[in-house]
Protein backbone atom coordinates (compact mmCIF):
# COMPACT_ATOMS: atom_id res chain seq x y z
CA UNK A 1 17.49 -111.18 -229.58
CA UNK A 2 18.70 -112.93 -226.51
CA UNK A 3 21.08 -114.82 -228.22
CA UNK A 4 22.70 -111.78 -229.91
CA UNK A 5 22.85 -110.03 -226.48
CA UNK A 6 24.65 -113.13 -224.88
CA UNK A 7 27.20 -112.98 -227.67
CA UNK A 8 27.97 -109.60 -226.67
CA UNK A 9 27.66 -109.08 -223.09
CA UNK A 10 29.16 -111.45 -220.81
CA UNK A 11 27.00 -114.13 -219.35
CA UNK A 12 28.00 -113.58 -215.71
CA UNK A 13 26.94 -109.96 -215.89
CA UNK A 14 23.06 -111.59 -216.14
CA UNK A 15 23.47 -114.81 -214.40
CA UNK A 16 24.94 -116.62 -211.22
CA UNK A 17 27.17 -119.41 -211.59
CA UNK A 18 24.58 -121.96 -211.79
CA UNK A 19 22.54 -120.35 -214.49
CA UNK A 20 20.01 -118.54 -212.49
CA UNK A 21 19.54 -114.78 -212.59
CA UNK A 22 21.59 -113.01 -210.27
CA UNK A 23 19.91 -111.64 -207.68
CA UNK A 24 21.25 -108.86 -205.16
CA UNK A 25 23.00 -110.10 -201.79
CA UNK A 26 25.66 -109.22 -199.46
CA UNK A 27 27.84 -111.95 -200.81
CA UNK A 28 30.52 -110.10 -203.19
CA UNK A 29 30.71 -113.37 -205.68
CA UNK A 30 31.25 -111.18 -208.77
CA UNK A 31 34.84 -110.11 -208.95
CA UNK A 32 36.18 -106.69 -209.67
CA UNK A 33 37.41 -108.00 -213.03
CA UNK A 34 33.84 -108.98 -214.11
CA UNK A 35 32.17 -106.03 -213.28
CA UNK A 36 34.67 -103.93 -215.44
CA UNK A 37 34.06 -106.15 -218.37
CA UNK A 38 30.36 -105.93 -217.79
CA UNK A 39 30.54 -102.09 -217.91
CA UNK A 40 32.63 -101.96 -220.84
CA UNK A 41 30.38 -104.49 -223.06
CA UNK A 42 27.71 -101.95 -221.76
CA UNK A 43 29.39 -98.84 -222.84
CA UNK A 44 30.24 -100.77 -226.57
CA UNK A 45 26.54 -101.67 -227.01
CA UNK A 46 25.46 -98.14 -226.12
CA UNK A 47 27.97 -96.56 -228.57
CA UNK A 48 27.10 -98.80 -231.38
CA UNK A 49 23.06 -98.27 -230.66
CA UNK A 50 23.81 -94.56 -230.55
CA UNK A 51 24.92 -94.61 -234.11
CA UNK A 52 22.22 -96.70 -234.90
CA UNK A 53 20.25 -94.03 -233.74
CA UNK A 54 21.65 -91.36 -235.13
CA UNK A 55 21.04 -93.03 -238.80
CA UNK A 56 17.60 -93.71 -237.79
CA UNK A 57 17.18 -89.81 -237.17
CA UNK A 58 19.06 -89.31 -240.65
CA UNK A 59 16.42 -91.04 -242.18
CA UNK A 60 13.80 -89.39 -240.43
CA UNK A 61 15.25 -85.59 -240.67
CA UNK A 62 16.02 -86.01 -244.39
CA UNK A 63 13.08 -88.41 -245.15
CA UNK A 64 15.77 -89.70 -247.86
CA UNK A 65 13.27 -89.31 -250.35
CA UNK A 66 12.78 -86.13 -252.40
CA UNK A 67 10.08 -83.99 -250.76
CA UNK A 68 6.78 -84.31 -251.84
CA UNK A 69 6.35 -81.00 -253.69
CA UNK A 70 9.47 -81.84 -255.76
CA UNK A 71 8.48 -85.17 -256.54
CA UNK A 72 5.20 -83.40 -258.25
CA UNK A 73 7.53 -81.34 -259.97
CA UNK A 74 9.37 -84.00 -261.27
CA UNK A 75 6.18 -86.03 -262.37
CA UNK A 76 4.97 -82.60 -264.16
CA UNK A 77 8.52 -82.55 -265.90
CA UNK A 78 8.38 -85.99 -267.04
CA UNK A 79 4.72 -85.22 -268.58
CA UNK A 80 5.76 -82.08 -270.43
CA UNK A 81 8.89 -84.19 -271.86
CA UNK A 82 6.56 -87.21 -272.89
CA UNK A 83 4.60 -84.64 -274.61
CA UNK A 84 7.17 -82.96 -276.35
CA UNK A 85 8.56 -86.35 -277.62
CA UNK A 86 5.17 -87.13 -278.97
CA UNK A 87 5.06 -83.90 -280.81
CA UNK A 88 8.69 -84.49 -282.10
CA UNK A 89 7.62 -87.94 -283.45
CA UNK A 90 4.62 -86.12 -285.33
CA UNK A 91 6.69 -83.71 -286.80
CA UNK A 92 9.29 -86.24 -288.28
CA UNK A 93 6.31 -88.22 -289.81
CA UNK A 94 5.39 -85.20 -291.44
CA UNK A 95 8.80 -84.75 -292.46
CA UNK A 96 9.13 -87.92 -294.03
CA UNK A 97 5.80 -87.44 -296.10
CA UNK A 98 6.99 -84.36 -297.49
CA UNK A 99 10.38 -85.99 -298.54
CA UNK A 100 8.13 -88.77 -300.28
CA UNK A 101 6.41 -86.18 -302.40
CA UNK A 102 9.87 -84.13 -303.02
CA UNK A 103 11.17 -87.71 -304.52
CA UNK A 104 8.07 -87.50 -306.54
CA UNK A 105 9.07 -84.07 -307.96
CA UNK A 106 12.84 -85.22 -308.38
CA UNK A 107 11.63 -88.23 -310.54
CA UNK A 108 9.60 -85.63 -312.93
CA UNK A 109 12.33 -83.38 -313.05
CA UNK A 110 14.79 -86.35 -314.30
CA UNK A 111 12.17 -87.14 -316.68
CA UNK A 112 11.97 -83.60 -318.19
CA UNK A 113 15.70 -83.19 -318.38
CA UNK A 114 15.90 -86.26 -320.66
CA UNK A 115 13.72 -84.42 -323.08
CA UNK A 116 15.13 -82.45 -325.96
CA UNK A 117 16.04 -78.79 -324.74
CA UNK A 118 13.26 -76.72 -325.91
CA UNK A 119 11.75 -73.83 -324.14
CA UNK A 120 8.67 -75.27 -323.45
CA UNK A 121 10.18 -78.23 -321.64
CA UNK A 122 12.50 -75.73 -319.71
CA UNK A 123 9.04 -73.83 -318.67
CA UNK A 124 8.05 -77.50 -317.67
CA UNK A 125 10.93 -78.11 -316.04
CA UNK A 126 11.04 -74.92 -313.83
CA UNK A 127 7.16 -75.23 -312.96
CA UNK A 128 8.50 -78.76 -311.31
CA UNK A 129 11.34 -77.35 -309.63
CA UNK A 130 9.24 -74.41 -308.40
CA UNK A 131 7.06 -76.93 -306.54
CA UNK A 132 9.75 -79.14 -305.58
CA UNK A 133 11.86 -76.15 -303.73
CA UNK A 134 8.41 -74.80 -302.25
CA UNK A 135 8.29 -78.46 -300.48
CA UNK A 136 11.78 -78.27 -299.44
CA UNK A 137 10.91 -74.93 -297.84
CA UNK A 138 8.13 -76.62 -296.04
CA UNK A 139 10.20 -79.50 -295.10
CA UNK A 140 12.85 -77.30 -293.83
CA UNK A 141 10.25 -75.42 -291.53
CA UNK A 142 9.26 -78.72 -289.94
CA UNK A 143 13.05 -79.83 -289.30
CA UNK A 144 13.41 -76.42 -287.77
CA UNK A 145 10.33 -77.09 -285.63
CA UNK A 146 11.15 -80.51 -284.67
CA UNK A 147 14.57 -79.16 -283.64
CA UNK A 148 13.21 -76.72 -281.42
CA UNK A 149 11.05 -79.10 -279.91
CA UNK A 150 14.34 -81.48 -279.36
CA UNK A 151 16.03 -78.63 -277.84
CA UNK A 152 12.83 -77.73 -275.30
CA UNK A 153 12.72 -81.26 -274.37
CA UNK A 154 16.34 -81.52 -273.52
CA UNK A 155 16.07 -78.15 -271.52
CA UNK A 156 13.33 -80.00 -269.55
CA UNK A 157 15.62 -82.86 -269.03
CA UNK A 158 18.44 -81.12 -268.08
CA UNK A 159 16.49 -79.18 -265.39
CA UNK A 160 15.05 -82.43 -264.21
CA UNK A 161 18.69 -84.05 -263.86
CA UNK A 162 19.91 -80.83 -262.04
CA UNK A 163 17.01 -81.09 -259.46
CA UNK A 164 17.62 -84.89 -258.84
CA UNK A 165 21.28 -84.14 -258.55
CA UNK A 166 20.89 -81.22 -256.10
CA UNK A 167 18.38 -83.30 -254.07
CA UNK A 168 21.10 -86.15 -253.93
CA UNK A 169 23.83 -83.97 -252.84
CA UNK A 170 21.66 -82.59 -250.15
CA UNK A 171 20.74 -86.63 -248.78
CA UNK A 172 24.47 -87.17 -248.77
CA UNK A 173 25.57 -84.28 -247.37
CA UNK A 174 23.12 -85.04 -244.22
CA UNK A 175 24.04 -88.50 -243.84
CA UNK A 176 27.87 -87.44 -243.56
CA UNK A 177 27.11 -84.56 -241.01
CA UNK A 178 24.95 -86.59 -238.88
CA UNK A 179 27.45 -89.44 -238.95
CA UNK A 180 30.58 -87.29 -238.18
CA UNK A 181 28.47 -85.70 -235.11
CA UNK A 182 27.74 -88.92 -233.69
CA UNK A 183 31.03 -90.51 -234.33
CA UNK A 184 32.74 -87.60 -232.39
CA UNK A 185 30.41 -88.45 -229.09
CA UNK A 186 31.54 -90.13 -225.67
CA UNK A 187 30.47 -93.60 -224.82
CA UNK A 188 28.56 -92.11 -221.83
CA UNK A 189 26.70 -89.72 -224.32
CA UNK A 190 25.56 -92.56 -226.17
CA UNK A 191 24.87 -94.58 -223.42
CA UNK A 192 22.36 -91.84 -221.99
CA UNK A 193 20.85 -91.44 -225.52
CA UNK A 194 19.25 -95.06 -225.60
CA UNK A 195 16.49 -96.33 -223.75
CA UNK A 196 16.99 -99.96 -223.81
CA UNK A 197 19.43 -102.63 -224.87
CA UNK A 198 16.60 -104.04 -227.22
CA UNK A 199 16.97 -100.94 -229.65
CA UNK A 200 20.64 -102.10 -230.36
CA UNK A 201 19.68 -105.16 -232.29
CA UNK A 202 17.23 -103.23 -234.65
CA UNK A 203 20.03 -100.45 -235.26
CA UNK A 204 22.74 -102.55 -236.22
CA UNK A 205 20.34 -104.05 -238.89
CA UNK A 206 19.10 -100.77 -240.02
CA UNK A 207 22.79 -99.35 -240.20
CA UNK A 208 23.37 -101.99 -242.75
CA UNK A 209 20.29 -100.71 -244.90
CA UNK A 210 21.30 -96.95 -244.57
CA UNK A 211 25.04 -97.76 -245.63
CA UNK A 212 23.89 -99.60 -248.69
CA UNK A 213 21.15 -96.89 -249.38
CA UNK A 214 24.16 -94.25 -249.02
CA UNK A 215 26.35 -96.08 -251.62
CA UNK A 216 23.37 -96.36 -253.83
CA UNK A 217 22.78 -92.64 -253.71
CA UNK A 218 26.48 -91.80 -254.65
CA UNK A 219 26.41 -94.00 -257.37
CA UNK A 220 23.03 -92.75 -258.75
CA UNK A 221 24.64 -89.25 -258.17
CA UNK A 222 27.54 -89.94 -260.27
CA UNK A 223 25.73 -91.70 -263.02
CA UNK A 224 23.30 -88.52 -263.33
CA UNK A 225 26.21 -86.30 -263.48
CA UNK A 226 27.59 -88.07 -266.59
CA UNK A 227 23.85 -88.29 -267.95
CA UNK A 228 23.63 -84.19 -267.55
CA UNK A 229 27.11 -83.54 -269.24
CA UNK A 230 25.84 -85.79 -271.98
CA UNK A 231 22.44 -83.96 -272.46
CA UNK A 232 24.26 -80.66 -271.99
CA UNK A 233 26.12 -81.69 -275.16
CA UNK A 234 23.41 -82.74 -277.16
CA UNK A 235 21.90 -79.45 -276.39
CA UNK A 236 24.80 -77.58 -278.10
CA UNK A 237 24.71 -79.95 -280.96
CA UNK A 238 20.97 -79.30 -281.56
CA UNK A 239 21.61 -75.68 -281.35
CA UNK A 240 24.32 -75.80 -283.88
CA UNK A 241 22.18 -78.10 -286.29
CA UNK A 242 19.24 -75.61 -285.83
CA UNK A 243 21.54 -72.81 -287.14
CA UNK A 244 22.66 -75.10 -290.22
CA UNK A 245 18.86 -75.65 -290.97
CA UNK A 246 18.07 -71.84 -290.96
CA UNK A 247 21.25 -71.12 -293.26
CA UNK A 248 19.99 -73.88 -295.55
CA UNK A 249 16.37 -72.12 -295.38
CA UNK A 250 17.45 -69.05 -296.32
CA UNK A 251 19.45 -70.75 -299.39
CA UNK A 252 16.31 -72.65 -300.50
CA UNK A 253 14.08 -69.18 -300.39
CA UNK A 254 16.80 -67.69 -302.63
CA UNK A 255 17.04 -70.48 -304.79
CA UNK A 256 13.06 -70.35 -305.17
CA UNK A 257 13.36 -66.39 -306.28
CA UNK A 258 15.97 -67.58 -308.70
CA UNK A 259 13.82 -70.09 -310.23
CA UNK A 260 10.67 -68.02 -310.33
CA UNK A 261 12.67 -64.94 -312.07
CA UNK A 262 14.27 -67.81 -314.81
CA UNK A 263 10.79 -68.93 -315.33
CA UNK A 264 9.11 -65.76 -315.94
CA UNK A 265 11.95 -64.75 -318.37
CA UNK A 266 11.38 -68.00 -320.37
CA UNK A 267 7.73 -67.20 -320.13
CA UNK A 268 8.33 -63.51 -321.73
CA UNK A 269 10.16 -65.19 -324.44
CA UNK A 270 7.67 -68.08 -325.40
CA UNK A 271 4.80 -65.29 -325.34
CA UNK A 272 6.37 -63.90 -328.59
CA UNK A 273 5.35 -64.90 -332.17
CA UNK A 274 7.44 -67.44 -333.38
CA UNK A 275 9.17 -65.26 -335.95
CA UNK A 276 10.14 -62.92 -332.68
CA UNK A 277 11.30 -65.92 -330.84
CA UNK A 278 13.61 -67.32 -333.31
CA UNK A 279 15.21 -63.83 -333.90
CA UNK A 280 15.72 -63.18 -330.17
CA UNK A 281 17.14 -67.01 -329.98
CA UNK A 282 19.64 -66.24 -332.84
CA UNK A 283 20.66 -63.00 -331.37
CA UNK A 284 21.24 -64.81 -327.83
CA UNK A 285 23.24 -67.31 -329.54
CA UNK A 286 25.53 -64.77 -331.44
CA UNK A 287 26.11 -62.56 -328.46
CA UNK A 288 27.29 -65.71 -326.53
CA UNK A 289 29.47 -66.80 -329.39
CA UNK A 290 30.87 -63.15 -330.12
CA UNK A 291 31.98 -63.28 -326.03
CA UNK A 292 33.29 -66.69 -326.23
CA UNK A 293 35.20 -65.60 -329.47
CA UNK A 294 36.56 -62.24 -327.90
CA UNK A 295 37.68 -64.19 -324.82
CA UNK A 296 39.70 -66.70 -326.77
CA UNK A 297 41.41 -64.17 -328.94
CA UNK A 298 42.16 -61.64 -326.32
CA UNK A 299 43.40 -64.33 -324.04
CA UNK A 300 45.78 -65.87 -326.33
CA UNK A 301 47.02 -62.37 -327.79
CA UNK A 302 47.88 -61.24 -324.24
CA UNK A 303 49.59 -64.40 -323.20
CA UNK A 304 51.73 -64.48 -326.12
CA UNK A 305 52.68 -60.63 -325.37
CA UNK A 306 53.47 -61.45 -321.91
CA UNK A 307 55.48 -64.53 -322.68
CA UNK A 308 57.87 -62.30 -325.00
CA UNK A 309 58.24 -59.80 -322.26
CA UNK A 310 58.87 -62.04 -319.54
CA UNK A 311 56.23 -60.12 -317.33
CA UNK A 312 55.03 -63.47 -315.59
CA UNK A 313 58.48 -64.23 -314.29
CA UNK A 314 57.60 -62.55 -310.93
CA UNK A 315 54.27 -64.37 -310.54
CA UNK A 316 53.63 -67.34 -308.19
CA UNK A 317 53.86 -70.73 -310.31
CA UNK A 318 50.98 -72.49 -308.75
CA UNK A 319 47.74 -70.63 -309.19
CA UNK A 320 45.62 -70.69 -305.99
CA UNK A 321 42.24 -68.35 -306.50
CA UNK A 322 40.45 -66.58 -303.72
CA UNK A 323 36.64 -65.60 -303.80
CA UNK A 324 36.36 -62.32 -305.41
CA UNK A 325 33.39 -61.68 -303.50
CA UNK A 326 31.52 -63.43 -300.21
CA UNK A 327 30.04 -66.61 -301.19
CA UNK A 328 28.11 -67.01 -298.38
CA UNK A 329 24.69 -66.31 -299.84
CA UNK A 330 25.39 -69.32 -301.77
CA UNK A 331 25.39 -70.22 -305.55
CA UNK A 332 22.47 -70.19 -307.86
CA UNK A 333 24.06 -72.09 -310.90
CA UNK A 334 27.07 -74.48 -311.16
CA UNK A 335 29.21 -75.25 -313.53
CA UNK A 336 27.67 -77.19 -316.64
CA UNK A 337 24.70 -77.02 -314.38
CA UNK A 338 21.79 -79.49 -315.73
CA UNK A 339 19.24 -77.16 -314.53
CA UNK A 340 20.42 -73.97 -316.13
CA UNK A 341 17.22 -72.54 -317.47
CA UNK A 342 18.84 -71.58 -320.89
CA UNK A 343 20.72 -74.67 -321.77
CA UNK A 344 18.56 -74.76 -325.27
CA UNK A 345 21.12 -71.64 -326.17
CA UNK A 346 24.38 -72.57 -324.55
CA UNK A 347 25.94 -74.62 -321.57
CA UNK A 348 26.38 -72.61 -318.44
CA UNK A 349 30.47 -72.44 -318.56
CA UNK A 350 31.05 -70.91 -314.50
CA UNK A 351 29.35 -70.48 -311.44
CA UNK A 352 26.67 -67.68 -310.67
CA UNK A 353 27.27 -66.34 -306.80
CA UNK A 354 24.58 -64.80 -305.26
CA UNK A 355 25.44 -61.07 -304.08
CA UNK A 356 23.53 -57.61 -303.64
CA UNK A 357 24.19 -55.23 -306.79
CA UNK A 358 26.85 -53.20 -306.42
CA UNK A 359 29.12 -55.35 -304.36
CA UNK A 360 32.65 -54.77 -304.74
CA UNK A 361 34.37 -57.49 -306.83
CA UNK A 362 38.27 -58.26 -306.03
CA UNK A 363 40.98 -60.15 -308.34
CA UNK A 364 41.10 -63.59 -307.56
CA UNK A 365 44.86 -63.83 -307.92
CA UNK A 366 47.70 -61.26 -309.21
CA UNK A 367 47.44 -60.85 -312.92
CA UNK A 368 46.96 -59.02 -315.96
CA UNK A 369 43.91 -57.03 -317.28
CA UNK A 370 43.21 -58.87 -320.57
CA UNK A 371 39.90 -57.48 -321.42
CA UNK A 372 37.58 -54.84 -319.50
CA UNK A 373 34.37 -54.62 -321.61
CA UNK A 374 31.75 -52.04 -320.85
CA UNK A 375 28.91 -53.34 -322.79
CA UNK A 376 26.45 -50.34 -321.73
CA UNK A 377 23.12 -51.81 -321.15
CA UNK A 378 24.66 -54.92 -322.41
CA UNK A 379 26.82 -57.76 -321.06
CA UNK A 380 30.03 -56.45 -319.23
CA UNK A 381 32.89 -58.38 -318.01
CA UNK A 382 36.60 -58.42 -317.22
CA UNK A 383 39.14 -61.22 -318.15
CA UNK A 384 42.37 -61.25 -315.88
CA UNK A 385 45.36 -63.50 -317.29
CA UNK A 386 47.35 -65.51 -314.63
CA UNK A 387 50.25 -67.72 -314.74
CA UNK A 388 50.08 -71.50 -315.73
CA UNK A 389 47.66 -70.62 -318.15
CA UNK A 390 44.95 -70.04 -315.76
CA UNK A 391 42.33 -67.01 -316.34
CA UNK A 392 39.51 -65.83 -314.89
CA UNK A 393 36.27 -63.95 -316.03
CA UNK A 394 34.08 -61.88 -313.93
CA UNK A 395 30.57 -61.13 -315.89
CA UNK A 396 27.39 -59.02 -315.41
CA UNK A 397 29.74 -56.05 -313.78
CA UNK A 398 27.74 -52.97 -313.31
CA UNK A 399 30.98 -50.82 -313.09
CA UNK A 400 34.59 -51.31 -314.12
CA UNK A 401 37.42 -49.89 -312.40
CA UNK A 402 40.41 -51.20 -314.00
CA UNK A 403 42.21 -50.74 -317.73
CA UNK A 404 43.34 -53.35 -320.20
CA UNK A 405 47.02 -54.07 -319.79
CA UNK A 406 47.07 -53.01 -316.18
CA UNK A 407 48.47 -55.33 -313.41
CA UNK A 408 46.38 -56.17 -310.64
CA UNK A 409 47.37 -57.90 -307.21
CA UNK A 410 45.43 -60.75 -305.58
CA UNK A 411 42.31 -58.78 -303.79
CA UNK A 412 42.51 -55.66 -305.49
CA UNK A 413 39.32 -53.98 -306.38
CA UNK A 414 38.40 -54.52 -310.23
CA UNK A 415 34.92 -53.53 -310.38
CA UNK A 416 31.18 -53.79 -308.72
CA UNK A 417 28.70 -56.72 -309.45
CA UNK A 418 25.62 -56.26 -311.19
CA UNK A 419 22.90 -58.67 -313.09
CA UNK A 420 19.83 -56.95 -311.75
CA UNK A 421 17.73 -56.86 -315.19
CA UNK A 422 17.49 -53.71 -317.24
CA UNK A 423 20.75 -52.15 -315.36
CA UNK A 424 24.06 -51.19 -316.77
CA UNK A 425 26.40 -54.45 -317.66
CA UNK A 426 23.53 -56.93 -316.86
CA UNK A 427 22.84 -58.20 -320.47
CA UNK A 428 19.95 -60.34 -321.40
CA UNK A 429 20.22 -63.70 -319.67
CA UNK A 430 20.11 -62.63 -316.18
CA UNK A 431 17.18 -62.57 -313.68
CA UNK A 432 18.72 -61.27 -310.30
CA UNK A 433 21.87 -59.65 -308.93
CA UNK A 434 24.70 -62.09 -308.90
CA UNK A 435 28.38 -62.36 -310.00
CA UNK A 436 29.08 -64.85 -313.07
CA UNK A 437 32.49 -66.26 -312.38
CA UNK A 438 34.55 -68.40 -314.58
CA UNK A 439 37.99 -70.07 -314.55
CA UNK A 440 39.60 -71.22 -317.72
CA UNK A 441 42.55 -73.13 -318.18
CA UNK A 442 44.38 -73.01 -321.57
CA UNK A 443 41.45 -71.27 -323.03
CA UNK A 444 39.25 -73.92 -321.85
CA UNK A 445 36.42 -73.46 -319.16
CA UNK A 446 36.88 -75.63 -316.35
CA UNK A 447 34.89 -75.74 -312.83
CA UNK A 448 36.04 -72.79 -310.43
CA UNK A 449 35.14 -74.78 -307.42
CA UNK A 450 38.41 -77.17 -308.25
CA UNK A 451 40.19 -73.90 -308.04
CA UNK A 452 39.03 -71.41 -305.31
CA UNK A 453 40.19 -71.65 -301.72
CA UNK A 454 37.86 -73.48 -300.04
């Protein structure tokens, strides 16, 4: 310490020329310039030491560490987050186990599909689909619960980061305030604030430590702010994922209702005696064949009629189809769906779009009404002929509001949906409200999803 003092203070402030400590005498052997140098050195020492004292006060007043109460709270938050993470992992394990069971039912379903299309095989297929779909619902519920836990954990992490950032801001602000305050003191004020020269050496070292701590706090503050932004983004992503999961769950529940309805219809048919069942099967095949023949003949005749009259001249060349109803409730049966429960009668030539009974049905594109068949308690449908050899069919309609040979614009109301068993226009092969939609190209059924606006 003495060596450091002597390196700052002029030696003749403390010693005579012979190296002995200076004693008071009447002889003015120290010149004016030496006295001034000593005084300036003392003042410089006092100023620097004063800053050290100020920083020491900063460390004491702010405690540089988060208050005990906040540390306890952070510890509690950490425990809560760890428990939530354990719960999340447990949910994911359950989801994986359910997924294995679902895979087992999928294998059974594929095996049954490979068998001949008989009513008993179809019932067995639907039995497995019911069990598989119930597991789908259970798995979706577990995924929703896991996502909710993840959102809760992220909420706690965001709160923890926010509290840490606030604490770090307070520490940095206090450092800067006190440094600024002491930086503006006069040399005399700093000199009077010190008790001894020996404090100077301790404060120099402590000043270095505090500067390092200040830099670390600033870097930590920046890092925490970046992490906080990422965690907030993760929060939003998880909430969007949760919405999609809930939407998917609604669709699975609707599918289960459809499957159970199909199974009940097949069980009813299978309960008939052999003669009655064969008669019912023949009637279904004849009805479907009649509809197909009617559609083909009327479409061909109308297209020829329109071609000769040049009524297609004002229609756009490329046909783009709009959805005739809102498809947000999902599709219950797809084009040539391998899971269609009546494959033993015929393949499914369109898509079935879920919708409540009596939903307004609108033209998918401009065209002419080729057929508007009111089947009473049987199957009611409308066929529209568009340009470029495209036509559309709307089935299971409970009510028709257009007439044959009438021209309709895109989006124009043409009828109302049906499909509820036992209601007008539903026909025999239906288990619940929906719209059957077909698209035909040159009279051949094609997948509507390839033509509808995405």
